[in-house]
PDB file of N, CA and C in Angstrom:
ATOM      1  N   MET A   1       0.542  29.806  -6.995  1.00  0.00           N
ATOM      2  CA  MET A   1      -0.735  29.154  -6.740  1.00  0.00           C
ATOM      3  C   MET A   1      -1.411  29.805  -5.536  1.00  0.00           C
ATOM      4  N   ASN A   2      -2.684  29.998  -5.641  1.00  0.00           N
ATOM      5  CA  ASN A   2      -3.498  30.511  -4.551  1.00  0.00           C
ATOM      6  C   ASN A   2      -3.601  29.423  -3.485  1.00  0.00           C
ATOM      7  N   SER A   3      -3.407  29.782  -2.221  1.00  0.00           N
ATOM      8  CA  SER A   3      -3.459  28.765  -1.159  1.00  0.00           C
ATOM      9  C   SER A   3      -4.809  28.751  -0.442  1.00  0.00           C
ATOM     10  N   GLU A   4      -5.845  29.246  -1.097  1.00  0.00           N
ATOM     11  CA  GLU A   4      -7.178  29.203  -0.515  1.00  0.00           C
ATOM     12  C   GLU A   4      -7.833  27.865  -0.851  1.00  0.00           C
ATOM     13  N   PHE A   5      -8.705  27.425   0.067  1.00  0.00           N
ATOM     14  CA  PHE A   5      -9.362  26.130  -0.107  1.00  0.00           C
ATOM     15  C   PHE A   5     -10.869  26.279   0.037  1.00  0.00           C
ATOM     16  N   LYS A   6     -11.602  25.317  -0.523  1.00  0.00           N
ATOM     17  CA  LYS A   6     -13.069  25.328  -0.540  1.00  0.00           C
ATOM     18  C   LYS A   6     -13.572  23.894  -0.460  1.00  0.00           C
ATOM     19  N   GLN A   7     -14.881  23.750  -0.327  1.00  0.00           N
ATOM     20  CA  GLN A   7     -15.499  22.430  -0.417  1.00  0.00           C
ATOM     21  C   GLN A   7     -15.301  21.902  -1.837  1.00  0.00           C
ATOM     22  N   ALA A   8     -15.141  20.620  -1.966  1.00  0.00           N
ATOM     23  CA  ALA A   8     -14.930  20.006  -3.278  1.00  0.00           C
ATOM     24  C   ALA A   8     -16.172  20.153  -4.150  1.00  0.00           C
ATOM     25  N   GLU A   9     -15.941  20.403  -5.434  1.00  0.00           N
ATOM     26  CA  GLU A   9     -17.031  20.390  -6.400  1.00  0.00           C
ATOM     27  C   GLU A   9     -17.436  18.934  -6.622  1.00  0.00           C
ATOM     28  N   ALA A  10     -18.570  18.723  -7.265  1.00  0.00           N
ATOM     29  CA  ALA A  10     -19.098  17.359  -7.432  1.00  0.00           C
ATOM     30  C   ALA A  10     -18.091  16.433  -8.115  1.00  0.00           C
ATOM     31  N   TRP A  11     -17.436  16.882  -9.165  1.00  0.00           N
ATOM     32  CA  TRP A  11     -16.489  16.023  -9.890  1.00  0.00           C
ATOM     33  C   TRP A  11     -15.271  15.697  -9.027  1.00  0.00           C
ATOM     34  N   GLN A  12     -14.844  16.653  -8.206  1.00  0.00           N
ATOM     35  CA  GLN A  12     -13.708  16.402  -7.315  1.00  0.00           C
ATOM     36  C   GLN A  12     -14.101  15.423  -6.217  1.00  0.00           C
ATOM     37  N   ARG A  13     -15.281  15.602  -5.651  1.00  0.00           N
ATOM     38  CA  ARG A  13     -15.750  14.697  -4.601  1.00  0.00           C
ATOM     39  C   ARG A  13     -15.912  13.287  -5.163  1.00  0.00           C
ATOM     40  N   GLU A  14     -16.374  13.176  -6.406  1.00  0.00           N
ATOM     41  CA  GLU A  14     -16.510  11.860  -7.035  1.00  0.00           C
ATOM     42  C   GLU A  14     -15.147  11.165  -7.129  1.00  0.00           C
ATOM     43  N   LEU A  15     -14.115  11.903  -7.541  1.00  0.00           N
ATOM     44  CA  LEU A  15     -12.770  11.319  -7.608  1.00  0.00           C
ATOM     45  C   LEU A  15     -12.271  10.931  -6.221  1.00  0.00           C
ATOM     46  N   LEU A  16     -12.476  11.801  -5.237  1.00  0.00           N
ATOM     47  CA  LEU A  16     -12.047  11.494  -3.870  1.00  0.00           C
ATOM     48  C   LEU A  16     -12.762  10.253  -3.347  1.00  0.00           C
ATOM     49  N   ASN A  17     -14.068  10.173  -3.584  1.00  0.00           N
ATOM     50  CA  ASN A  17     -14.827   8.997  -3.131  1.00  0.00           C
ATOM     51  C   ASN A  17     -14.321   7.726  -3.798  1.00  0.00           C
ATOM     52  N   ARG A  18     -14.004   7.811  -5.073  1.00  0.00           N
ATOM     53  CA  ARG A  18     -13.492   6.626  -5.781  1.00  0.00           C
ATOM     54  C   ARG A  18     -12.114   6.232  -5.250  1.00  0.00           C
ATOM     55  N   LEU A  19     -11.259   7.218  -4.968  1.00  0.00           N
ATOM     56  CA  LEU A  19      -9.944   6.927  -4.390  1.00  0.00           C
ATOM     57  C   LEU A  19     -10.083   6.288  -3.009  1.00  0.00           C
ATOM     58  N   MET A  20     -11.123   6.685  -2.257  1.00  0.00           N
ATOM     59  CA  MET A  20     -11.334   6.124  -0.920  1.00  0.00           C
ATOM     60  C   MET A  20     -11.751   4.656  -0.975  1.00  0.00           C
ATOM     61  N   MET A  21     -12.163   4.175  -2.137  1.00  0.00           N
ATOM     62  CA  MET A  21     -12.556   2.774  -2.273  1.00  0.00           C
ATOM     63  C   MET A  21     -11.350   1.853  -2.450  1.00  0.00           C
ATOM     64  N   GLU A  22     -10.197   2.422  -2.741  1.00  0.00           N
ATOM     65  CA  GLU A  22      -8.996   1.625  -2.978  1.00  0.00           C
ATOM     66  C   GLU A  22      -8.503   0.982  -1.686  1.00  0.00           C
ATOM     67  N   GLU A  23      -7.923  -0.199  -1.815  1.00  0.00           N
ATOM     68  CA  GLU A  23      -7.342  -0.920  -0.677  1.00  0.00           C
ATOM     69  C   GLU A  23      -5.821  -0.889  -0.788  1.00  0.00           C
ATOM     70  N   PHE A  24      -5.158  -0.379   0.232  1.00  0.00           N
ATOM     71  CA  PHE A  24      -3.705  -0.317   0.267  1.00  0.00           C
ATOM     72  C   PHE A  24      -3.288  -0.069   1.712  1.00  0.00           C
ATOM     73  N   GLU A  25      -2.005  -0.233   1.987  1.00  0.00           N
ATOM     74  CA  GLU A  25      -1.491   0.009   3.334  1.00  0.00           C
ATOM     75  C   GLU A  25      -1.777   1.458   3.729  1.00  0.00           C
ATOM     76  N   GLY A  26      -2.453   1.661   4.856  1.00  0.00           N
ATOM     77  CA  GLY A  26      -2.776   2.998   5.337  1.00  0.00           C
ATOM     78  C   GLY A  26      -4.083   3.558   4.817  1.00  0.00           C
ATOM     79  N   CYS A  27      -4.870   2.738   4.106  1.00  0.00           N
ATOM     80  CA  CYS A  27      -6.088   3.251   3.477  1.00  0.00           C
ATOM     81  C   CYS A  27      -7.123   3.761   4.482  1.00  0.00           C
ATOM     82  N   GLU A  28      -7.181   3.168   5.665  1.00  0.00           N
ATOM     83  CA  GLU A  28      -8.168   3.620   6.652  1.00  0.00           C
ATOM     84  C   GLU A  28      -7.908   5.068   7.049  1.00  0.00           C
ATOM     85  N   ALA A  29      -6.652   5.411   7.303  1.00  0.00           N
ATOM     86  CA  ALA A  29      -6.309   6.789   7.671  1.00  0.00           C
ATOM     87  C   ALA A  29      -6.523   7.733   6.491  1.00  0.00           C
ATOM     88  N   VAL A  30      -6.197   7.284   5.289  1.00  0.00           N
ATOM     89  CA  VAL A  30      -6.420   8.107   4.098  1.00  0.00           C
ATOM     90  C   VAL A  30      -7.907   8.405   3.948  1.00  0.00           C
ATOM     91  N   ARG A  31      -8.753   7.414   4.175  1.00  0.00           N
ATOM     92  CA  ARG A  31     -10.207   7.634   4.084  1.00  0.00           C
ATOM     93  C   ARG A  31     -10.666   8.694   5.079  1.00  0.00           C
ATOM     94  N   LEU A  32     -10.140   8.636   6.296  1.00  0.00           N
ATOM     95  CA  LEU A  32     -10.498   9.637   7.303  1.00  0.00           C
ATOM     96  C   LEU A  32     -10.049  11.029   6.869  1.00  0.00           C
ATOM     97  N   GLN A  33      -8.882  11.114   6.264  1.00  0.00           N
ATOM     98  CA  GLN A  33      -8.375  12.407   5.807  1.00  0.00           C
ATOM     99  C   GLN A  33      -9.196  12.957   4.640  1.00  0.00           C
ATOM    100  N   LEU A  34      -9.534  12.106   3.688  1.00  0.00           N
ATOM    101  CA  LEU A  34     -10.233  12.565   2.485  1.00  0.00           C
ATOM    102  C   LEU A  34     -11.712  12.836   2.710  1.00  0.00           C
ATOM    103  N   LYS A  35     -12.284  12.219   3.725  1.00  0.00           N
ATOM    104  CA  LYS A  35     -13.733  12.320   3.962  1.00  0.00           C
ATOM    105  C   LYS A  35     -14.221  13.764   4.011  1.00  0.00           C
ATOM    106  N   ASP A  36     -13.533  14.615   4.729  1.00  0.00           N
ATOM    107  CA  ASP A  36     -13.979  16.000   4.899  1.00  0.00           C
ATOM    108  C   ASP A  36     -12.942  17.021   4.451  1.00  0.00           C
ATOM    109  N   CYS A  37     -12.014  16.610   3.602  1.00  0.00           N
ATOM    110  CA  CYS A  37     -10.952  17.537   3.201  1.00  0.00           C
ATOM    111  C   CYS A  37     -11.503  18.645   2.303  1.00  0.00           C
ATOM    112  N   LEU A  38     -10.749  19.715   2.228  1.00  0.00           N
ATOM    113  CA  LEU A  38     -11.046  20.818   1.322  1.00  0.00           C
ATOM    114  C   LEU A  38     -10.112  20.709   0.123  1.00  0.00           C
ATOM    115  N   VAL A  39     -10.466  21.379  -0.968  1.00  0.00           N
ATOM    116  CA  VAL A  39      -9.632  21.368  -2.173  1.00  0.00           C
ATOM    117  C   VAL A  39      -9.233  22.797  -2.518  1.00  0.00           C
ATOM    118  N   SER A  40      -8.139  22.922  -3.265  1.00  0.00           N
ATOM    119  CA  SER A  40      -7.655  24.248  -3.636  1.00  0.00           C
ATOM    120  C   SER A  40      -8.669  24.961  -4.527  1.00  0.00           C
ATOM    121  N   VAL A  41      -8.795  26.272  -4.299  1.00  0.00           N
ATOM    122  CA  VAL A  41      -9.684  27.092  -5.118  1.00  0.00           C
ATOM    123  C   VAL A  41      -9.213  27.051  -6.570  1.00  0.00           C
ATOM    124  N   ASP A  42      -7.915  27.185  -6.760  1.00  0.00           N
ATOM    125  CA  ASP A  42      -7.332  27.132  -8.104  1.00  0.00           C
ATOM    126  C   ASP A  42      -6.781  25.736  -8.367  1.00  0.00           C
ATOM    127  N   THR A  43      -6.926  25.265  -9.595  1.00  0.00           N
ATOM    128  CA  THR A  43      -6.313  23.989  -9.945  1.00  0.00           C
ATOM    129  C   THR A  43      -4.806  24.184 -10.080  1.00  0.00           C
ATOM    130  N   LEU A  44      -4.069  23.095  -9.944  1.00  0.00           N
ATOM    131  CA  LEU A  44      -2.612  23.152  -9.998  1.00  0.00           C
ATOM    132  C   LEU A  44      -2.078  23.169 -11.423  1.00  0.00           C
ATOM    133  N   ASP A  45      -2.889  22.707 -12.373  1.00  0.00           N
ATOM    134  CA  ASP A  45      -2.461  22.677 -13.772  1.00  0.00           C
ATOM    135  C   ASP A  45      -3.691  22.675 -14.671  1.00  0.00           C
ATOM    136  N   SER A  46      -3.460  22.702 -15.977  1.00  0.00           N
ATOM    137  CA  SER A  46      -4.575  22.774 -16.933  1.00  0.00           C
ATOM    138  C   SER A  46      -5.385  21.483 -17.008  1.00  0.00           C
ATOM    139  N   ASP A  47      -4.863  20.390 -16.452  1.00  0.00           N
ATOM    140  CA  ASP A  47      -5.600  19.127 -16.445  1.00  0.00           C
ATOM    141  C   ASP A  47      -6.579  19.016 -15.281  1.00  0.00           C
ATOM    142  N   GLY A  48      -6.510  19.934 -14.323  1.00  0.00           N
ATOM    143  CA  GLY A  48      -7.451  19.921 -13.214  1.00  0.00           C
ATOM    144  C   GLY A  48      -6.927  19.347 -11.917  1.00  0.00           C
ATOM    145  N   SER A  49      -5.639  19.039 -11.840  1.00  0.00           N
ATOM    146  CA  SER A  49      -5.060  18.549 -10.575  1.00  0.00           C
ATOM    147  C   SER A  49      -5.356  19.558  -9.471  1.00  0.00           C
ATOM    148  N   PHE A  50      -5.554  19.064  -8.239  1.00  0.00           N
ATOM    149  CA  PHE A  50      -5.885  19.982  -7.153  1.00  0.00           C
ATOM    150  C   PHE A  50      -5.194  19.591  -5.857  1.00  0.00           C
ATOM    151  N   ALA A  51      -4.874  20.626  -5.073  1.00  0.00           N
ATOM    152  CA  ALA A  51      -4.256  20.431  -3.760  1.00  0.00           C
ATOM    153  C   ALA A  51      -5.342  20.105  -2.744  1.00  0.00           C
ATOM    154  N   LEU A  52      -4.933  19.455  -1.666  1.00  0.00           N
ATOM    155  CA  LEU A  52      -5.853  19.079  -0.592  1.00  0.00           C
ATOM    156  C   LEU A  52      -5.473  19.786   0.699  1.00  0.00           C
ATOM    157  N   HIS A  53      -6.487  20.172   1.449  1.00  0.00           N
ATOM    158  CA  HIS A  53      -6.285  20.694   2.805  1.00  0.00           C
ATOM    159  C   HIS A  53      -7.027  19.737   3.738  1.00  0.00           C
ATOM    160  N   VAL A  54      -6.256  18.941   4.452  1.00  0.00           N
ATOM    161  CA  VAL A  54      -6.817  17.892   5.299  1.00  0.00           C
ATOM    162  C   VAL A  54      -7.160  18.457   6.672  1.00  0.00           C
ATOM    163  N   LEU A  55      -8.403  18.267   7.106  1.00  0.00           N
ATOM    164  CA  LEU A  55      -8.840  18.732   8.422  1.00  0.00           C
ATOM    165  C   LEU A  55      -8.582  17.676   9.484  1.00  0.00           C
ATOM    166  N   ASN A  56      -8.826  16.414   9.153  1.00  0.00           N
ATOM    167  CA  ASN A  56      -8.559  15.304  10.070  1.00  0.00           C
ATOM    168  C   ASN A  56      -7.149  14.800   9.775  1.00  0.00           C
ATOM    169  N   ARG A  57      -6.195  15.202  10.594  1.00  0.00           N
ATOM    170  CA  ARG A  57      -4.787  14.934  10.312  1.00  0.00           C
ATOM    171  C   ARG A  57      -4.270  13.654  10.976  1.00  0.00           C
ATOM    172  N   VAL A  58      -5.121  12.640  11.065  1.00  0.00           N
ATOM    173  CA  VAL A  58      -4.671  11.339  11.548  1.00  0.00           C
ATOM    174  C   VAL A  58      -3.577  10.859  10.588  1.00  0.00           C
ATOM    175  N   PRO A  59      -2.423  10.433  11.085  1.00  0.00           N
ATOM    176  CA  PRO A  59      -1.320  10.050  10.197  1.00  0.00           C
ATOM    177  C   PRO A  59      -1.681   8.862   9.299  1.00  0.00           C
ATOM    178  N   ALA A  60      -1.391   9.015   8.021  1.00  0.00           N
ATOM    179  CA  ALA A  60      -1.604   7.942   7.048  1.00  0.00           C
ATOM    180  C   ALA A  60      -0.244   7.351   6.700  1.00  0.00           C
ATOM    181  N   VAL A  61       0.061   6.229   7.315  1.00  0.00           N
ATOM    182  CA  VAL A  61       1.335   5.563   7.056  1.00  0.00           C
ATOM    183  C   VAL A  61       1.151   4.687   5.817  1.00  0.00           C
ATOM    184  N   VAL A  62       1.655   5.172   4.696  1.00  0.00           N
ATOM    185  CA  VAL A  62       1.511   4.477   3.419  1.00  0.00           C
ATOM    186  C   VAL A  62       2.878   4.000   2.941  1.00  0.00           C
ATOM    187  N   SER A  63       2.878   3.046   2.029  1.00  0.00           N
ATOM    188  CA  SER A  63       4.145   2.455   1.585  1.00  0.00           C
ATOM    189  C   SER A  63       4.833   3.250   0.483  1.00  0.00           C
ATOM    190  N   SER A  64       4.119   4.182  -0.152  1.00  0.00           N
ATOM    191  CA  SER A  64       4.735   5.004  -1.194  1.00  0.00           C
ATOM    192  C   SER A  64       4.051   6.362  -1.244  1.00  0.00           C
ATOM    193  N   ARG A  65       4.695   7.312  -1.907  1.00  0.00           N
ATOM    194  CA  ARG A  65       4.139   8.656  -2.025  1.00  0.00           C
ATOM    195  C   ARG A  65       2.801   8.640  -2.763  1.00  0.00           C
ATOM    196  N   VAL A  66       2.627   7.701  -3.679  1.00  0.00           N
ATOM    197  CA  VAL A  66       1.389   7.586  -4.453  1.00  0.00           C
ATOM    198  C   VAL A  66       0.770   6.221  -4.150  1.00  0.00           C
ATOM    199  N   PRO A  67      -0.026   6.143  -3.076  1.00  0.00           N
ATOM    200  CA  PRO A  67      -0.564   4.843  -2.670  1.00  0.00           C
ATOM    201  C   PRO A  67      -1.788   4.386  -3.455  1.00  0.00           C
ATOM    202  N   ALA A  68      -2.445   5.317  -4.163  1.00  0.00           N
ATOM    203  CA  ALA A  68      -3.674   4.954  -4.870  1.00  0.00           C
ATOM    204  C   ALA A  68      -3.760   5.720  -6.175  1.00  0.00           C
ATOM    205  N   GLY A  69      -4.343   5.072  -7.163  1.00  0.00           N
ATOM    206  CA  GLY A  69      -4.517   5.716  -8.454  1.00  0.00           C
ATOM    207  C   GLY A  69      -5.662   5.098  -9.224  1.00  0.00           C
ATOM    208  N   LEU A  70      -6.169   5.870 -10.170  1.00  0.00           N
ATOM    209  CA  LEU A  70      -7.273   5.435 -11.012  1.00  0.00           C
ATOM    210  C   LEU A  70      -6.903   5.658 -12.469  1.00  0.00           C
ATOM    211  N   ALA A  71      -7.534   4.924 -13.350  1.00  0.00           N
ATOM    212  CA  ALA A  71      -7.360   5.128 -14.786  1.00  0.00           C
ATOM    213  C   ALA A  71      -8.711   4.967 -15.459  1.00  0.00           C
ATOM    214  N   GLY A  72      -8.927   5.767 -16.484  1.00  0.00           N
ATOM    215  CA  GLY A  72     -10.168   5.681 -17.235  1.00  0.00           C
ATOM    216  C   GLY A  72      -9.966   6.180 -18.653  1.00  0.00           C
ATOM    217  N   TYR A  73     -10.848   5.767 -19.530  1.00  0.00           N
ATOM    218  CA  TYR A  73     -10.745   6.114 -20.946  1.00  0.00           C
ATOM    219  C   TYR A  73     -11.932   6.968 -21.359  1.00  0.00           C
ATOM    220  N   VAL A  74     -11.674   7.878 -22.304  1.00  0.00           N
ATOM    221  CA  VAL A  74     -12.724   8.698 -22.892  1.00  0.00           C
ATOM    222  C   VAL A  74     -12.760   8.387 -24.380  1.00  0.00           C
ATOM    223  N   GLY A  75     -13.942   8.113 -24.880  1.00  0.00           N
ATOM    224  CA  GLY A  75     -14.083   7.813 -26.302  1.00  0.00           C
ATOM    225  C   GLY A  75     -13.307   6.570 -26.682  1.00  0.00           C
ATOM    226  N   CYS A  76     -12.660   6.618 -27.841  1.00  0.00           N
ATOM    227  CA  CYS A  76     -11.917   5.447 -28.311  1.00  0.00           C
ATOM    228  C   CYS A  76     -10.412   5.647 -28.180  1.00  0.00           C
ATOM    229  N   SER A  77     -10.002   6.479 -27.253  1.00  0.00           N
ATOM    230  CA  SER A  77      -8.574   6.704 -27.017  1.00  0.00           C
ATOM    231  C   SER A  77      -7.907   5.431 -26.514  1.00  0.00           C
ATOM    232  N   ASP A  78      -6.694   5.197 -26.969  1.00  0.00           N
ATOM    233  CA  ASP A  78      -5.915   4.052 -26.494  1.00  0.00           C
ATOM    234  C   ASP A  78      -5.141   4.386 -25.227  1.00  0.00           C
ATOM    235  N   TYR A  79      -5.180   5.651 -24.826  1.00  0.00           N
ATOM    236  CA  TYR A  79      -4.389   6.103 -23.680  1.00  0.00           C
ATOM    237  C   TYR A  79      -5.304   6.577 -22.557  1.00  0.00           C
ATOM    238  N   PRO A  80      -5.069   6.085 -21.348  1.00  0.00           N
ATOM    239  CA  PRO A  80      -5.959   6.455 -20.241  1.00  0.00           C
ATOM    240  C   PRO A  80      -5.656   7.827 -19.656  1.00  0.00           C
ATOM    241  N   ILE A  81      -6.658   8.358 -19.016  1.00  0.00           N
ATOM    242  CA  ILE A  81      -6.488   9.503 -18.126  1.00  0.00           C
ATOM    243  C   ILE A  81      -6.227   8.903 -16.755  1.00  0.00           C
ATOM    244  N   ALA A  82      -5.219   9.412 -16.080  1.00  0.00           N
ATOM    245  CA  ALA A  82      -4.839   8.866 -14.777  1.00  0.00           C
ATOM    246  C   ALA A  82      -5.109   9.878 -13.673  1.00  0.00           C
ATOM    247  N   VAL A  83      -5.438   9.362 -12.506  1.00  0.00           N
ATOM    248  CA  VAL A  83      -5.646  10.159 -11.297  1.00  0.00           C
ATOM    249  C   VAL A  83      -4.786   9.528 -10.210  1.00  0.00           C
ATOM    250  N   LEU A  84      -3.887  10.310  -9.634  1.00  0.00           N
ATOM    251  CA  LEU A  84      -2.981   9.803  -8.604  1.00  0.00           C
ATOM    252  C   LEU A  84      -3.158  10.585  -7.315  1.00  0.00           C
ATOM    253  N   LEU A  85      -3.245   9.880  -6.205  1.00  0.00           N
ATOM    254  CA  LEU A  85      -3.304  10.503  -4.887  1.00  0.00           C
ATOM    255  C   LEU A  85      -1.886  10.582  -4.332  1.00  0.00           C
ATOM    256  N   HIS A  86      -1.441  11.783  -3.996  1.00  0.00           N
ATOM    257  CA  HIS A  86      -0.106  11.983  -3.420  1.00  0.00           C
ATOM    258  C   HIS A  86      -0.226  12.200  -1.916  1.00  0.00           C
ATOM    259  N   VAL A  87       0.594  11.483  -1.150  1.00  0.00           N
ATOM    260  CA  VAL A  87       0.647  11.609   0.309  1.00  0.00           C
ATOM    261  C   VAL A  87       2.063  12.030   0.684  1.00  0.00           C
ATOM    262  N   LEU A  88       2.182  13.141   1.411  1.00  0.00           N
ATOM    263  CA  LEU A  88       3.481  13.638   1.871  1.00  0.00           C
ATOM    264  C   LEU A  88       3.474  13.731   3.385  1.00  0.00           C
ATOM    265  N   ASN A  89       4.493  13.199   4.005  1.00  0.00           N
ATOM    266  CA  ASN A  89       4.612  13.262   5.464  1.00  0.00           C
ATOM    267  C   ASN A  89       3.349  12.776   6.167  1.00  0.00           C
ATOM    268  N   GLU A  90       2.784  11.691   5.651  1.00  0.00           N
ATOM    269  CA  GLU A  90       1.613  11.010   6.220  1.00  0.00           C
ATOM    270  C   GLU A  90       0.307  11.797   6.098  1.00  0.00           C
ATOM    271  N   ILE A  91       0.287  12.824   5.230  1.00  0.00           N
ATOM    272  CA  ILE A  91      -0.914  13.636   5.014  1.00  0.00           C
ATOM    273  C   ILE A  91      -1.215  13.675   3.515  1.00  0.00           C
ATOM    274  N   CYS A  92      -2.481  13.473   3.150  1.00  0.00           N
ATOM    275  CA  CYS A  92      -2.886  13.576   1.750  1.00  0.00           C
ATOM    276  C   CYS A  92      -2.616  14.998   1.265  1.00  0.00           C
ATOM    277  N   HIS A  93      -1.910  15.118   0.155  1.00  0.00           N
ATOM    278  CA  HIS A  93      -1.390  16.408  -0.298  1.00  0.00           C
ATOM    279  C   HIS A  93      -2.056  16.921  -1.576  1.00  0.00           C
ATOM    280  N   GLU A  94      -2.212  16.056  -2.554  1.00  0.00           N
ATOM    281  CA  GLU A  94      -2.823  16.505  -3.805  1.00  0.00           C
ATOM    282  C   GLU A  94      -3.365  15.330  -4.602  1.00  0.00           C
ATOM    283  N   VAL A  95      -4.249  15.665  -5.536  1.00  0.00           N
ATOM    284  CA  VAL A  95      -4.755  14.711  -6.511  1.00  0.00           C
ATOM    285  C   VAL A  95      -4.261  15.196  -7.871  1.00  0.00           C
ATOM    286  N   GLU A  96      -3.414  14.378  -8.484  1.00  0.00           N
ATOM    287  CA  GLU A  96      -2.839  14.708  -9.790  1.00  0.00           C
ATOM    288  C   GLU A  96      -3.673  14.043 -10.878  1.00  0.00           C
ATOM    289  N   ILE A  97      -4.010  14.822 -11.895  1.00  0.00           N
ATOM    290  CA  ILE A  97      -4.792  14.324 -13.028  1.00  0.00           C
ATOM    291  C   ILE A  97      -3.982  14.586 -14.292  1.00  0.00           C
ATOM    292  N   TYR A  98      -3.834  13.563 -15.133  1.00  0.00           N
ATOM    293  CA  TYR A  98      -3.113  13.781 -16.388  1.00  0.00           C
ATOM    294  C   TYR A  98      -3.530  12.755 -17.442  1.00  0.00           C
ATOM    295  N   HIS A  99      -3.340  13.132 -18.689  1.00  0.00           N
ATOM    296  CA  HIS A  99      -3.585  12.230 -19.814  1.00  0.00           C
ATOM    297  C   HIS A  99      -2.268  11.544 -20.130  1.00  0.00           C
ATOM    298  N   SER A 100      -2.257  10.234 -20.160  1.00  0.00           N
ATOM    299  CA  SER A 100      -1.002   9.495 -20.322  1.00  0.00           C
ATOM    300  C   SER A 100      -0.334   9.734 -21.679  1.00  0.00           C
ATOM    301  N   ALA A 101      -1.070  10.230 -22.663  1.00  0.00           N
ATOM    302  CA  ALA A 101      -0.475  10.552 -23.959  1.00  0.00           C
ATOM    303  C   ALA A 101      -0.021  12.008 -24.015  1.00  0.00           C
ATOM    304  N   GLY A 102      -0.268  12.755 -22.940  1.00  0.00           N
ATOM    305  CA  GLY A 102       0.113  14.159 -22.914  1.00  0.00           C
ATOM    306  C   GLY A 102      -0.909  15.076 -23.560  1.00  0.00           C
ATOM    307  N   ASP A 103      -2.019  14.525 -24.013  1.00  0.00           N
ATOM    308  CA  ASP A 103      -3.063  15.330 -24.649  1.00  0.00           C
ATOM    309  C   ASP A 103      -3.806  16.172 -23.618  1.00  0.00           C
ATOM    310  N   LYS A 104      -4.441  17.246 -24.107  1.00  0.00           N
ATOM    311  CA  LYS A 104      -5.271  18.074 -23.236  1.00  0.00           C
ATOM    312  C   LYS A 104      -6.518  17.274 -22.851  1.00  0.00           C
ATOM    313  N   ILE A 105      -6.883  17.331 -21.595  1.00  0.00           N
ATOM    314  CA  ILE A 105      -8.078  16.627 -21.117  1.00  0.00           C
ATOM    315  C   ILE A 105      -9.298  17.500 -21.377  1.00  0.00           C
ATOM    316  N   MET A 106     -10.206  16.994 -22.193  1.00  0.00           N
ATOM    317  CA  MET A 106     -11.426  17.724 -22.531  1.00  0.00           C
ATOM    318  C   MET A 106     -12.593  17.299 -21.644  1.00  0.00           C
ATOM    319  N   GLU A 107     -12.569  16.048 -21.202  1.00  0.00           N
ATOM    320  CA  GLU A 107     -13.593  15.535 -20.294  1.00  0.00           C
ATOM    321  C   GLU A 107     -13.005  14.377 -19.507  1.00  0.00           C
ATOM    322  N   LEU A 108     -13.592  14.118 -18.360  1.00  0.00           N
ATOM    323  CA  LEU A 108     -13.136  13.005 -17.530  1.00  0.00           C
ATOM    324  C   LEU A 108     -13.935  11.748 -17.864  1.00  0.00           C
ATOM    325  N   PRO A 109     -13.330  10.596 -17.687  1.00  0.00           N
ATOM    326  CA  PRO A 109     -14.045   9.337 -17.931  1.00  0.00           C
ATOM    327  C   PRO A 109     -15.259   9.190 -17.011  1.00  0.00           C
ATOM    328  N   GLN A 110     -16.225   8.429 -17.465  1.00  0.00           N
ATOM    329  CA  GLN A 110     -17.400   8.119 -16.650  1.00  0.00           C
ATOM    330  C   GLN A 110     -17.128   6.954 -15.714  1.00  0.00           C
ATOM    331  N   GLN A 111     -16.201   6.083 -16.095  1.00  0.00           N
ATOM    332  CA  GLN A 111     -15.870   4.911 -15.280  1.00  0.00           C
ATOM    333  C   GLN A 111     -14.371   4.880 -15.030  1.00  0.00           C
ATOM    334  N   TRP A 112     -14.028   4.431 -13.827  1.00  0.00           N
ATOM    335  CA  TRP A 112     -12.627   4.351 -13.422  1.00  0.00           C
ATOM    336  C   TRP A 112     -12.309   2.932 -12.965  1.00  0.00           C
ATOM    337  N   VAL A 113     -11.065   2.533 -13.161  1.00  0.00           N
ATOM    338  CA  VAL A 113     -10.565   1.285 -12.587  1.00  0.00           C
ATOM    339  C   VAL A 113      -9.349   1.634 -11.744  1.00  0.00           C
ATOM    340  N   SER A 114      -9.059   0.778 -10.806  1.00  0.00           N
ATOM    341  CA  SER A 114      -7.887   0.971  -9.970  1.00  0.00           C
ATOM    342  C   SER A 114      -6.640   0.950 -10.838  1.00  0.00           C
ATOM    343  N   LEU A 115      -5.765   1.914 -10.646  1.00  0.00           N
ATOM    344  CA  LEU A 115      -4.517   1.924 -11.394  1.00  0.00           C
ATOM    345  C   LEU A 115      -3.691   0.699 -11.049  1.00  0.00           C
ATOM    346  N   GLY A 116      -3.822   0.206  -9.823  1.00  0.00           N
ATOM    347  CA  GLY A 116      -3.153  -1.041  -9.456  1.00  0.00           C
ATOM    348  C   GLY A 116      -3.648  -2.195 -10.299  1.00  0.00           C
ATOM    349  N   THR A 117      -4.950  -2.226 -10.569  1.00  0.00           N
ATOM    350  CA  THR A 117      -5.523  -3.268 -11.419  1.00  0.00           C
ATOM    351  C   THR A 117      -4.993  -3.137 -12.831  1.00  0.00           C
ATOM    352  N   VAL A 118      -4.934  -1.924 -13.342  1.00  0.00           N
ATOM    353  CA  VAL A 118      -4.416  -1.691 -14.688  1.00  0.00           C
ATOM    354  C   VAL A 118      -2.970  -2.141 -14.771  1.00  0.00           C
ATOM    355  N   MET A 119      -2.147  -1.767 -13.791  1.00  0.00           N
ATOM    356  CA  MET A 119      -0.734  -2.122 -13.801  1.00  0.00           C
ATOM    357  C   MET A 119      -0.550  -3.636 -13.732  1.00  0.00           C
ATOM    358  N   ARG A 120      -1.382  -4.324 -12.993  1.00  0.00           N
ATOM    359  CA  ARG A 120      -1.258  -5.777 -12.886  1.00  0.00           C
ATOM    360  C   ARG A 120      -1.621  -6.469 -14.201  1.00  0.00           C
ATOM    361  N   ASN A 121      -2.402  -5.789 -15.049  1.00  0.00           N
ATOM    362  CA  ASN A 121      -2.827  -6.403 -16.301  1.00  0.00           C
ATOM    363  C   ASN A 121      -1.828  -6.212 -17.436  1.00  0.00           C
ATOM    364  N   PHE A 122      -0.805  -5.394 -17.237  1.00  0.00           N
ATOM    365  CA  PHE A 122       0.223  -5.234 -18.260  1.00  0.00           C
ATOM    366  C   PHE A 122       1.169  -6.413 -18.208  1.00  0.00           C
ATOM    367  N   PRO A 123       1.658  -6.861 -19.385  1.00  0.00           N
ATOM    368  CA  PRO A 123       2.589  -8.010 -19.402  1.00  0.00           C
ATOM    369  C   PRO A 123       3.903  -7.688 -18.719  1.00  0.00           C
TER     370      PRO A 123
END
């Protein structure tokens, strides 16, 4: 993987902004880190996951490696596309994007819900 970083493209910034709306332990520090972070020039996989280069390294003490996530649907699929924020050693590390059915992602959803909300709605 290329370790060069750039300003986020519009779709990446939209995901980062949506992740910053989530409420969880350590969210204030995560917001500070994501506000001006850079993203990897190359995506990490074919789904568009990307690494983060955090400029404001205020420690984000979170309760798990993946403190925030989003889910959204495209078309009439029964399986969501998920977006997970990974935090390593108190620093935002990457945004993972994947289709829960393992399908190739052709487009991203227009609307997202908190993955925590989705998980709470399962029996």
